[in-house]
Amino acid sequence: DNAKNTVYLQMNSLKPEDTAVYYCAATLSVPSST
């Protein structure tokens, strides 16, 4: 949401194996391959 300057991660149907520390990351780089 650019108006709120926020990026979201909506997580549904969560499983125990989703347990972790979640990190947000940003880059201006555009790699040669997606």
PDB file of all heavy atoms in Angstrom:
ATOM      1  N   ASP A   1       0.877  -1.164   0.000  1.00  0.00           N
ATOM      2  CA  ASP A   1       0.000   0.000   0.000  1.00  0.00           C
ATOM      3  C   ASP A   1       0.915   1.215   0.000  1.00  0.00           C
ATOM      4  O   ASP A   1       1.468   1.586   1.041  1.00  0.00           O
ATOM      5  CB  ASP A   1      -0.907  -0.019   1.229  1.00  0.00           C
ATOM      6  CG  ASP A   1      -1.919   1.113   1.229  1.00  0.00           C
ATOM      7  OD1 ASP A   1      -1.668   2.157   0.589  1.00  0.00           O
ATOM      8  OD2 ASP A   1      -2.954   0.968   1.881  1.00  0.00           O
ATOM      9  N   ASN A   2       1.082   1.806  -1.173  1.00  0.00           N
ATOM     10  CA  ASN A   2       2.025   2.915  -1.289  1.00  0.00           C
ATOM     11  C   ASN A   2       1.575   4.131  -0.480  1.00  0.00           C
ATOM     12  O   ASN A   2       2.411   4.886   0.036  1.00  0.00           O
ATOM     13  CB  ASN A   2       2.211   3.302  -2.749  1.00  0.00           C
ATOM     14  CG  ASN A   2       2.978   2.256  -3.538  1.00  0.00           C
ATOM     15  OD1 ASN A   2       3.762   1.497  -2.968  1.00  0.00           O
ATOM     16  ND2 ASN A   2       2.726   2.180  -4.822  1.00  0.00           N
ATOM     17  N   ALA A   3       0.286   4.321  -0.349  1.00  0.00           N
ATOM     18  CA  ALA A   3      -0.213   5.461   0.430  1.00  0.00           C
ATOM     19  C   ALA A   3       0.199   5.348   1.898  1.00  0.00           C
ATOM     20  O   ALA A   3       0.417   6.359   2.570  1.00  0.00           O
ATOM     21  CB  ALA A   3      -1.720   5.550   0.300  1.00  0.00           C
ATOM     22  N   LYS A   4       0.310   4.104   2.378  1.00  0.00           N
ATOM     23  CA  LYS A   4       0.708   3.884   3.774  1.00  0.00           C
ATOM     24  C   LYS A   4       2.190   3.531   3.886  1.00  0.00           C
ATOM     25  O   LYS A   4       2.671   3.274   4.992  1.00  0.00           O
ATOM     26  CB  LYS A   4      -0.132   2.760   4.378  1.00  0.00           C
ATOM     27  CG  LYS A   4      -1.612   3.102   4.480  1.00  0.00           C
ATOM     28  CD  LYS A   4      -2.389   1.989   5.153  1.00  0.00           C
ATOM     29  CE  LYS A   4      -3.860   2.374   5.303  1.00  0.00           C
ATOM     30  NZ  LYS A   4      -4.658   1.297   5.964  1.00  0.00           N
ATOM     31  N   ASN A   5       2.870   3.476   2.725  1.00  0.00           N
ATOM     32  CA  ASN A   5       4.291   3.125   2.710  1.00  0.00           C
ATOM     33  C   ASN A   5       4.535   1.812   3.454  1.00  0.00           C
ATOM     34  O   ASN A   5       5.456   1.699   4.275  1.00  0.00           O
ATOM     35  CB  ASN A   5       5.146   4.242   3.328  1.00  0.00           C
ATOM     36  CG  ASN A   5       6.586   4.172   2.867  1.00  0.00           C
ATOM     37  OD1 ASN A   5       6.876   3.820   1.728  1.00  0.00           O
ATOM     38  ND2 ASN A   5       7.507   4.534   3.750  1.00  0.00           N
ATOM     39  N   THR A   6       3.702   0.837   3.146  1.00  0.00           N
ATOM     40  CA  THR A   6       3.722  -0.425   3.883  1.00  0.00           C
ATOM     41  C   THR A   6       3.627  -1.598   2.911  1.00  0.00           C
ATOM     42  O   THR A   6       2.897  -1.536   1.916  1.00  0.00           O
ATOM     43  CB  THR A   6       2.557  -0.483   4.884  1.00  0.00           C
ATOM     44  OG1 THR A   6       2.680   0.613   5.802  1.00  0.00           O
ATOM     45  CG2 THR A   6       2.564  -1.780   5.668  1.00  0.00           C
ATOM     46  N   VAL A   7       4.365  -2.635   3.241  1.00  0.00           N
ATOM     47  CA  VAL A   7       4.290  -3.913   2.525  1.00  0.00           C
ATOM     48  C   VAL A   7       3.728  -4.942   3.488  1.00  0.00           C
ATOM     49  O   VAL A   7       4.092  -4.952   4.672  1.00  0.00           O
ATOM     50  CB  VAL A   7       5.675  -4.326   2.007  1.00  0.00           C
ATOM     51  CG1 VAL A   7       5.623  -5.716   1.378  1.00  0.00           C
ATOM     52  CG2 VAL A   7       6.183  -3.314   0.997  1.00  0.00           C
ATOM     53  N   TYR A   8       2.858  -5.785   2.970  1.00  0.00           N
ATOM     54  CA  TYR A   8       2.177  -6.767   3.812  1.00  0.00           C
ATOM     55  C   TYR A   8       2.517  -8.192   3.384  1.00  0.00           C
ATOM     56  O   TYR A   8       2.864  -8.452   2.236  1.00  0.00           O
ATOM     57  CB  TYR A   8       0.665  -6.589   3.716  1.00  0.00           C
ATOM     58  CG  TYR A   8       0.168  -5.230   4.117  1.00  0.00           C
ATOM     59  CD1 TYR A   8      -0.170  -4.277   3.162  1.00  0.00           C
ATOM     60  CD2 TYR A   8       0.033  -4.894   5.467  1.00  0.00           C
ATOM     61  CE1 TYR A   8      -0.631  -3.022   3.528  1.00  0.00           C
ATOM     62  CE2 TYR A   8      -0.430  -3.645   5.839  1.00  0.00           C
ATOM     63  CZ  TYR A   8      -0.758  -2.717   4.859  1.00  0.00           C
ATOM     64  OH  TYR A   8      -1.210  -1.482   5.242  1.00  0.00           O
ATOM     65  N   LEU A   9       2.374  -9.088   4.334  1.00  0.00           N
ATOM     66  CA  LEU A   9       2.389 -10.513   4.038  1.00  0.00           C
ATOM     67  C   LEU A   9       1.173 -11.116   4.727  1.00  0.00           C
ATOM     68  O   LEU A   9       1.160 -11.252   5.949  1.00  0.00           O
ATOM     69  CB  LEU A   9       3.669 -11.195   4.510  1.00  0.00           C
ATOM     70  CG  LEU A   9       3.779 -12.663   4.127  1.00  0.00           C
ATOM     71  CD1 LEU A   9       3.948 -12.826   2.612  1.00  0.00           C
ATOM     72  CD2 LEU A   9       4.940 -13.345   4.857  1.00  0.00           C
ATOM     73  N   GLN A  10       0.159 -11.424   3.944  1.00  0.00           N
ATOM     74  CA  GLN A  10      -1.023 -12.076   4.474  1.00  0.00           C
ATOM     75  C   GLN A  10      -0.775 -13.570   4.482  1.00  0.00           C
ATOM     76  O   GLN A  10      -0.475 -14.160   3.437  1.00  0.00           O
ATOM     77  CB  GLN A  10      -2.246 -11.744   3.608  1.00  0.00           C
ATOM     78  CG  GLN A  10      -3.514 -12.434   4.049  1.00  0.00           C
ATOM     79  CD  GLN A  10      -4.022 -11.953   5.388  1.00  0.00           C
ATOM     80  OE1 GLN A  10      -4.035 -10.748   5.662  1.00  0.00           O
ATOM     81  NE2 GLN A  10      -4.437 -12.873   6.252  1.00  0.00           N
ATOM     82  N   MET A  11      -0.898 -14.171   5.643  1.00  0.00           N
ATOM     83  CA  MET A  11      -0.600 -15.593   5.813  1.00  0.00           C
ATOM     84  C   MET A  11      -1.866 -16.307   6.267  1.00  0.00           C
ATOM     85  O   MET A  11      -2.378 -16.037   7.353  1.00  0.00           O
ATOM     86  CB  MET A  11       0.519 -15.780   6.834  1.00  0.00           C
ATOM     87  CG  MET A  11       1.779 -14.980   6.510  1.00  0.00           C
ATOM     88  SD  MET A  11       3.148 -15.339   7.624  1.00  0.00           S
ATOM     89  CE  MET A  11       2.485 -14.729   9.160  1.00  0.00           C
ATOM     90  N   ASN A  12      -2.354 -17.190   5.433  1.00  0.00           N
ATOM     91  CA  ASN A  12      -3.547 -17.970   5.730  1.00  0.00           C
ATOM     92  C   ASN A  12      -3.202 -19.446   5.847  1.00  0.00           C
ATOM     93  O   ASN A  12      -2.143 -19.885   5.403  1.00  0.00           O
ATOM     94  CB  ASN A  12      -4.598 -17.769   4.640  1.00  0.00           C
ATOM     95  CG  ASN A  12      -5.049 -16.333   4.502  1.00  0.00           C
ATOM     96  OD1 ASN A  12      -5.093 -15.583   5.481  1.00  0.00           O
ATOM     97  ND2 ASN A  12      -5.387 -15.931   3.285  1.00  0.00           N
ATOM     98  N   SER A  13      -4.116 -20.196   6.426  1.00  0.00           N
ATOM     99  CA  SER A  13      -3.934 -21.646   6.571  1.00  0.00           C
ATOM    100  C   SER A  13      -2.562 -21.981   7.142  1.00  0.00           C
ATOM    101  O   SER A  13      -1.836 -22.839   6.626  1.00  0.00           O
ATOM    102  CB  SER A  13      -4.123 -22.343   5.215  1.00  0.00           C
ATOM    103  OG  SER A  13      -5.395 -22.064   4.677  1.00  0.00           O
ATOM    104  N   LEU A  14      -2.218 -21.298   8.204  1.00  0.00           N
ATOM    105  CA  LEU A  14      -0.879 -21.454   8.780  1.00  0.00           C
ATOM    106  C   LEU A  14      -0.669 -22.858   9.324  1.00  0.00           C
ATOM    107  O   LEU A  14      -1.604 -23.499   9.844  1.00  0.00           O
ATOM    108  CB  LEU A  14      -0.662 -20.407   9.863  1.00  0.00           C
ATOM    109  CG  LEU A  14      -0.343 -19.008   9.323  1.00  0.00           C
ATOM    110  CD1 LEU A  14      -0.599 -17.953  10.390  1.00  0.00           C
ATOM    111  CD2 LEU A  14       1.092 -18.947   8.829  1.00  0.00           C
ATOM    112  N   LYS A  15       0.576 -23.304   9.207  1.00  0.00           N
ATOM    113  CA  LYS A  15       0.976 -24.626   9.666  1.00  0.00           C
ATOM    114  C   LYS A  15       2.083 -24.481  10.706  1.00  0.00           C
ATOM    115  O   LYS A  15       2.811 -23.483  10.697  1.00  0.00           O
ATOM    116  CB  LYS A  15       1.503 -25.446   8.486  1.00  0.00           C
ATOM    117  CG  LYS A  15       0.543 -25.550   7.320  1.00  0.00           C
ATOM    118  CD  LYS A  15       1.202 -26.266   6.146  1.00  0.00           C
ATOM    119  CE  LYS A  15       0.263 -26.360   4.951  1.00  0.00           C
ATOM    120  NZ  LYS A  15       0.917 -27.045   3.800  1.00  0.00           N
ATOM    121  N   PRO A  16       2.256 -25.474  11.570  1.00  0.00           N
ATOM    122  CA  PRO A  16       3.349 -25.399  12.550  1.00  0.00           C
ATOM    123  C   PRO A  16       4.713 -25.180  11.889  1.00  0.00           C
ATOM    124  O   PRO A  16       5.571 -24.496  12.473  1.00  0.00           O
ATOM    125  CB  PRO A  16       3.265 -26.748  13.255  1.00  0.00           C
ATOM    126  CG  PRO A  16       1.816 -27.124  13.164  1.00  0.00           C
ATOM    127  CD  PRO A  16       1.381 -26.632  11.819  1.00  0.00           C
ATOM    128  N   GLU A  17       4.913 -25.702  10.708  1.00  0.00           N
ATOM    129  CA  GLU A  17       6.192 -25.524  10.028  1.00  0.00           C
ATOM    130  C   GLU A  17       6.404 -24.110   9.501  1.00  0.00           C
ATOM    131  O   GLU A  17       7.501 -23.799   9.005  1.00  0.00           O
ATOM    132  CB  GLU A  17       6.346 -26.532   8.881  1.00  0.00           C
ATOM    133  CG  GLU A  17       5.179 -26.583   7.922  1.00  0.00           C
ATOM    134  CD  GLU A  17       4.201 -27.707   8.250  1.00  0.00           C
ATOM    135  OE1 GLU A  17       3.862 -27.888   9.446  1.00  0.00           O
ATOM    136  OE2 GLU A  17       3.754 -28.391   7.297  1.00  0.00           O
ATOM    137  N   ASP A  18       5.411 -23.258   9.610  1.00  0.00           N
ATOM    138  CA  ASP A  18       5.577 -21.844   9.276  1.00  0.00           C
ATOM    139  C   ASP A  18       6.184 -21.055  10.434  1.00  0.00           C
ATOM    140  O   ASP A  18       6.496 -19.861  10.277  1.00  0.00           O
ATOM    141  CB  ASP A  18       4.236 -21.209   8.895  1.00  0.00           C
ATOM    142  CG  ASP A  18       3.647 -21.782   7.617  1.00  0.00           C
ATOM    143  OD1 ASP A  18       4.410 -22.003   6.651  1.00  0.00           O
ATOM    144  OD2 ASP A  18       2.416 -22.005   7.594  1.00  0.00           O
ATOM    145  N   THR A  19       6.353 -21.693  11.563  1.00  0.00           N
ATOM    146  CA  THR A  19       6.933 -21.032  12.723  1.00  0.00           C
ATOM    147  C   THR A  19       8.350 -20.567  12.425  1.00  0.00           C
ATOM    148  O   THR A  19       9.196 -21.366  12.002  1.00  0.00           O
ATOM    149  CB  THR A  19       6.927 -21.973  13.937  1.00  0.00           C
ATOM    150  OG1 THR A  19       5.570 -22.256  14.301  1.00  0.00           O
ATOM    151  CG2 THR A  19       7.659 -21.360  15.119  1.00  0.00           C
ATOM    152  N   ALA A  20       8.604 -19.287  12.617  1.00  0.00           N
ATOM    153  CA  ALA A  20       9.907 -18.705  12.299  1.00  0.00           C
ATOM    154  C   ALA A  20       9.891 -17.227  12.665  1.00  0.00           C
ATOM    155  O   ALA A  20       8.834 -16.663  12.962  1.00  0.00           O
ATOM    156  CB  ALA A  20      10.221 -18.858  10.817  1.00  0.00           C
ATOM    157  N   VAL A  21      11.064 -16.632  12.598  1.00  0.00           N
ATOM    158  CA  VAL A  21      11.160 -15.178  12.611  1.00  0.00           C
ATOM    159  C   VAL A  21      11.064 -14.721  11.163  1.00  0.00           C
ATOM    160  O   VAL A  21      11.795 -15.214  10.300  1.00  0.00           O
ATOM    161  CB  VAL A  21      12.470 -14.698  13.243  1.00  0.00           C
ATOM    162  CG1 VAL A  21      12.560 -13.169  13.174  1.00  0.00           C
ATOM    163  CG2 VAL A  21      12.573 -15.171  14.685  1.00  0.00           C
ATOM    164  N   TYR A  22      10.160 -13.785  10.911  1.00  0.00           N
ATOM    165  CA  TYR A  22       9.932 -13.298   9.561  1.00  0.00           C
ATOM    166  C   TYR A  22      10.586 -11.928   9.399  1.00  0.00           C
ATOM    167  O   TYR A  22      10.409 -11.036  10.242  1.00  0.00           O
ATOM    168  CB  TYR A  22       8.433 -13.208   9.279  1.00  0.00           C
ATOM    169  CG  TYR A  22       7.828 -14.559   8.992  1.00  0.00           C
ATOM    170  CD1 TYR A  22       7.668 -15.505  10.001  1.00  0.00           C
ATOM    171  CD2 TYR A  22       7.425 -14.910   7.709  1.00  0.00           C
ATOM    172  CE1 TYR A  22       7.138 -16.759   9.735  1.00  0.00           C
ATOM    173  CE2 TYR A  22       6.888 -16.162   7.427  1.00  0.00           C
ATOM    174  CZ  TYR A  22       6.749 -17.079   8.448  1.00  0.00           C
ATOM    175  OH  TYR A  22       6.211 -18.325   8.180  1.00  0.00           O
ATOM    176  N   TYR A  23      11.321 -11.796   8.298  1.00  0.00           N
ATOM    177  CA  TYR A  23      12.064 -10.580   8.019  1.00  0.00           C
ATOM    178  C   TYR A  23      11.580  -9.941   6.722  1.00  0.00           C
ATOM    179  O   TYR A  23      11.355 -10.627   5.725  1.00  0.00           O
ATOM    180  CB  TYR A  23      13.552 -10.878   7.868  1.00  0.00           C
ATOM    181  CG  TYR A  23      14.211 -11.426   9.104  1.00  0.00           C
ATOM    182  CD1 TYR A  23      14.281 -12.786   9.340  1.00  0.00           C
ATOM    183  CD2 TYR A  23      14.776 -10.565  10.053  1.00  0.00           C
ATOM    184  CE1 TYR A  23      14.887 -13.297  10.467  1.00  0.00           C
ATOM    185  CE2 TYR A  23      15.387 -11.067  11.190  1.00  0.00           C
ATOM    186  CZ  TYR A  23      15.439 -12.428  11.393  1.00  0.00           C
ATOM    187  OH  TYR A  23      16.039 -12.923  12.527  1.00  0.00           O
ATOM    188  N   CYS A  24      11.488  -8.636   6.762  1.00  0.00           N
ATOM    189  CA  CYS A  24      11.209  -7.840   5.586  1.00  0.00           C
ATOM    190  C   CYS A  24      12.549  -7.390   4.997  1.00  0.00           C
ATOM    191  O   CYS A  24      13.472  -7.067   5.751  1.00  0.00           O
ATOM    192  CB  CYS A  24      10.371  -6.635   6.003  1.00  0.00           C
ATOM    193  SG  CYS A  24      10.002  -5.461   4.720  1.00  0.00           S
ATOM    194  N   ALA A  25      12.647  -7.378   3.676  1.00  0.00           N
ATOM    195  CA  ALA A  25      13.887  -6.983   3.018  1.00  0.00           C
ATOM    196  C   ALA A  25      13.579  -6.125   1.799  1.00  0.00           C
ATOM    197  O   ALA A  25      12.526  -6.276   1.185  1.00  0.00           O
ATOM    198  CB  ALA A  25      14.680  -8.217   2.601  1.00  0.00           C
ATOM    199  N   ALA A  26      14.529  -5.261   1.464  1.00  0.00           N
ATOM    200  CA  ALA A  26      14.324  -4.346   0.345  1.00  0.00           C
ATOM    201  C   ALA A  26      15.603  -4.192  -0.463  1.00  0.00           C
ATOM    202  O   ALA A  26      16.705  -4.221   0.077  1.00  0.00           O
ATOM    203  CB  ALA A  26      13.874  -2.978   0.855  1.00  0.00           C
ATOM    204  N   THR A  27      15.416  -4.017  -1.757  1.00  0.00           N
ATOM    205  CA  THR A  27      16.548  -3.743  -2.628  1.00  0.00           C
ATOM    206  C   THR A  27      16.105  -2.898  -3.814  1.00  0.00           C
ATOM    207  O   THR A  27      14.974  -3.041  -4.295  1.00  0.00           O
ATOM    208  CB  THR A  27      17.209  -5.036  -3.136  1.00  0.00           C
ATOM    209  OG1 THR A  27      18.348  -4.696  -3.942  1.00  0.00           O
ATOM    210  CG2 THR A  27      16.256  -5.861  -3.990  1.00  0.00           C
ATOM    211  N   LEU A  28      17.028  -2.039  -4.272  1.00  0.00           N
ATOM    212  CA  LEU A  28      16.813  -1.303  -5.504  1.00  0.00           C
ATOM    213  C   LEU A  28      17.383  -2.062  -6.699  1.00  0.00           C
ATOM    214  O   LEU A  28      17.132  -1.705  -7.842  1.00  0.00           O
ATOM    215  CB  LEU A  28      17.463   0.088  -5.417  1.00  0.00           C
ATOM    216  CG  LEU A  28      16.811   1.071  -4.453  1.00  0.00           C
ATOM    217  CD1 LEU A  28      17.678   2.314  -4.303  1.00  0.00           C
ATOM    218  CD2 LEU A  28      15.418   1.455  -4.939  1.00  0.00           C
ATOM    219  N   SER A  29      18.148  -3.097  -6.414  1.00  0.00           N
ATOM    220  CA  SER A  29      18.798  -3.865  -7.473  1.00  0.00           C
ATOM    221  C   SER A  29      17.773  -4.598  -8.316  1.00  0.00           C
ATOM    222  O   SER A  29      16.726  -5.039  -7.822  1.00  0.00           O
ATOM    223  CB  SER A  29      19.767  -4.877  -6.858  1.00  0.00           C
ATOM    224  OG  SER A  29      20.750  -4.241  -6.095  1.00  0.00           O
ATOM    225  N   VAL A  30      18.123  -4.751  -9.576  1.00  0.00           N
ATOM    226  CA  VAL A  30      17.323  -5.562 -10.488  1.00  0.00           C
ATOM    227  C   VAL A  30      18.249  -6.643 -11.023  1.00  0.00           C
ATOM    228  O   VAL A  30      19.062  -6.396 -11.923  1.00  0.00           O
ATOM    229  CB  VAL A  30      16.737  -4.741 -11.639  1.00  0.00           C
ATOM    230  CG1 VAL A  30      15.919  -5.650 -12.562  1.00  0.00           C
ATOM    231  CG2 VAL A  30      15.873  -3.613 -11.097  1.00  0.00           C
ATOM    232  N   PRO A  31      18.173  -7.842 -10.460  1.00  0.00           N
ATOM    233  CA  PRO A  31      19.091  -8.898 -10.879  1.00  0.00           C
ATOM    234  C   PRO A  31      18.857  -9.316 -12.327  1.00  0.00           C
ATOM    235  O   PRO A  31      17.791  -9.069 -12.891  1.00  0.00           O
ATOM    236  CB  PRO A  31      18.777 -10.038  -9.906  1.00  0.00           C
ATOM    237  CG  PRO A  31      17.400  -9.761  -9.418  1.00  0.00           C
ATOM    238  CD  PRO A  31      17.235  -8.290  -9.427  1.00  0.00           C
ATOM    239  N   SER A  32      19.861  -9.942 -12.885  1.00  0.00           N
ATOM    240  CA  SER A  32      19.791 -10.340 -14.286  1.00  0.00           C
ATOM    241  C   SER A  32      18.743 -11.422 -14.516  1.00  0.00           C
ATOM    242  O   SER A  32      18.216 -11.570 -15.615  1.00  0.00           O
ATOM    243  CB  SER A  32      21.162 -10.828 -14.754  1.00  0.00           C
ATOM    244  OG  SER A  32      21.607 -11.893 -13.929  1.00  0.00           O
ATOM    245  N   SER A  33      18.445 -12.169 -13.486  1.00  0.00           N
ATOM    246  CA  SER A  33      17.438 -13.211 -13.591  1.00  0.00           C
ATOM    247  C   SER A  33      16.462 -13.092 -12.419  1.00  0.00           C
ATOM    248  O   SER A  33      16.880 -12.824 -11.299  1.00  0.00           O
ATOM    249  CB  SER A  33      18.090 -14.593 -13.559  1.00  0.00           C
ATOM    250  OG  SER A  33      17.130 -15.608 -13.384  1.00  0.00           O
ATOM    251  N   THR A  34      15.196 -13.301 -12.692  1.00  0.00           N
ATOM    252  CA  THR A  34      14.201 -13.229 -11.615  1.00  0.00           C
ATOM    253  C   THR A  34      14.429 -14.318 -10.573  1.00  0.00           C
ATOM    254  O   THR A  34      13.960 -14.205  -9.449  1.00  0.00           O
ATOM    255  CB  THR A  34      12.781 -13.338 -12.177  1.00  0.00           C
ATOM    256  OG1 THR A  34      12.656 -14.558 -12.925  1.00  0.00           O
ATOM    257  CG2 THR A  34      12.464 -12.165 -13.094  1.00  0.00           C
TER     258      THR A  34
END
